[in-house]
Each structure stands twice: as C-alpha cells, then as structure tokens.
C-alpha cells in the first residue's frame, strides 16, 4: 500500500543504478520505471566532514551528484567535501 515518489525512485539509483522499480496493484504489475541519477540529494545523507556547518546549524544536508566512469561522487553543498 505504499508507492514511491519519483524523487524516491531516483534516489535508489545511488544504490542500484540498473534497477527497475515495479508498481504492483492487486498482485499485478501496473507500471515499471527506471531510476535516473538526480542532480542533487537533499535531507537524505549526513556529511562525513565533522567540521561541516550542516552539523552545527539547522540546515538540510545537500549533495551534488556526479557520475564518474564506474562510480558516483557526492559533493557537499556547504563544505564541498567529496
């Protein structure tokens, strides 16, 4: 009884870039979608830099998402740590 938003589906691409998300209703597949890598991820992850302002101030975490040859890099909006 839970359906993922487009944003949630795209966040899955960080963990499973080749995934297909099936929407099931009454035991039947009623839709399929492939996640695409979002440009930004907000309020999902915590910056690993302990000196980042996002740890001390009431701001939402925000990361730019960059696809590399065989992996994905995240860059913090506030401290720019990758």
Protein backbone atom coordinates (compact mmCIF):
# COMPACT_ATOMS: atom_id res chain seq x y z
CA UNK A 1 0.00 0.00 0.00
CA UNK A 2 2.97 2.28 -0.41
CA UNK A 3 4.07 3.87 -3.65
CA UNK A 4 7.41 5.57 -4.15
CA UNK A 5 7.57 9.13 -5.41
CA UNK A 6 9.68 9.90 -8.48
CA UNK A 7 12.24 11.50 -6.16
CA UNK A 8 12.48 8.33 -4.05
CA UNK A 9 12.83 6.17 -7.15
CA UNK A 10 15.67 8.37 -8.39
CA UNK A 11 17.41 8.18 -5.01
CA UNK A 12 17.50 4.41 -5.46
CA UNK A 13 19.86 4.92 -8.40
CA UNK A 14 22.61 5.78 -5.90
CA UNK A 15 22.46 2.22 -4.60
CA UNK A 16 21.22 0.31 -7.63
CA UNK A 17 21.80 2.27 -10.86
CA UNK A 18 20.50 -0.54 -13.09
CA UNK A 19 17.36 -1.25 -11.04
CA UNK A 20 13.82 -1.40 -12.37
CA UNK A 21 11.05 -0.41 -9.97
CA UNK A 22 7.77 -2.26 -10.45
CA UNK A 23 4.45 -0.80 -9.32
CA UNK A 24 2.12 -3.58 -8.23
CA UNK A 25 -1.61 -3.23 -7.66
CA UNK A 26 -3.86 -6.20 -6.82
CA UNK A 27 -0.99 -8.63 -7.42
CA UNK A 28 -0.37 -7.34 -10.95
CA UNK A 29 2.44 -5.20 -12.30
CA UNK A 30 0.77 -1.97 -13.43
CA UNK A 31 3.89 0.05 -14.17
CA UNK A 32 7.65 -0.06 -14.40
CA UNK A 33 10.21 2.72 -14.12
CA UNK A 34 13.96 3.03 -14.28
CA UNK A 35 15.56 5.42 -11.81
CA UNK A 36 17.75 8.18 -13.16
CA UNK A 37 20.57 9.75 -11.21
CA UNK A 38 19.36 13.01 -9.63
CA UNK A 39 21.45 16.19 -9.82
CA UNK A 40 21.06 16.75 -6.05
CA UNK A 41 20.28 14.67 -2.98
CA UNK A 42 18.80 16.63 -0.07
CA UNK A 43 17.99 15.67 3.52
CA UNK A 44 18.90 12.00 3.00
CA UNK A 45 22.59 11.68 3.87
CA UNK A 46 24.84 13.24 6.51
CA UNK A 47 28.08 14.96 5.52
CA UNK A 48 31.10 12.89 6.62
CA UNK A 49 33.08 16.06 7.41
CA UNK A 50 32.66 16.65 11.15
CA UNK A 51 33.57 20.33 10.66
CA UNK A 52 30.81 20.91 8.10
CA UNK A 53 28.35 23.66 9.02
CA UNK A 54 25.47 21.26 8.37
CA UNK A 55 26.28 19.54 11.69
CA UNK A 56 26.08 22.73 13.77
CA UNK A 57 23.31 24.69 12.03
CA UNK A 58 19.68 23.76 11.38
CA UNK A 59 20.10 23.26 7.62
CA UNK A 60 19.19 20.32 5.45
CA UNK A 61 22.09 18.36 4.03
CA UNK A 62 22.55 18.80 0.30
CA UNK A 63 24.89 17.00 -2.08
CA UNK A 64 25.63 17.45 -5.76
CA UNK A 65 25.68 14.08 -7.53
CA UNK A 66 28.39 13.44 -10.10
CA UNK A 67 28.65 10.29 -12.17
CA UNK A 68 32.15 9.07 -12.85
CA UNK A 69 33.37 6.28 -15.12
CA UNK A 70 32.49 3.45 -12.74
CA UNK A 71 31.15 5.09 -9.59
CA UNK A 72 29.23 8.06 -8.21
CA UNK A 73 30.66 11.02 -6.27
CA UNK A 74 28.72 13.23 -3.88
CA UNK A 75 29.88 16.77 -3.09
CA UNK A 76 28.55 18.60 -0.02
CA UNK A 77 26.90 21.94 -0.80
CA UNK A 78 28.34 23.58 2.32
CA UNK A 79 31.90 22.33 2.79
CA UNK A 80 32.42 20.94 -0.75
CA UNK A 81 33.89 17.70 0.57
CA UNK A 82 33.55 14.76 -1.81
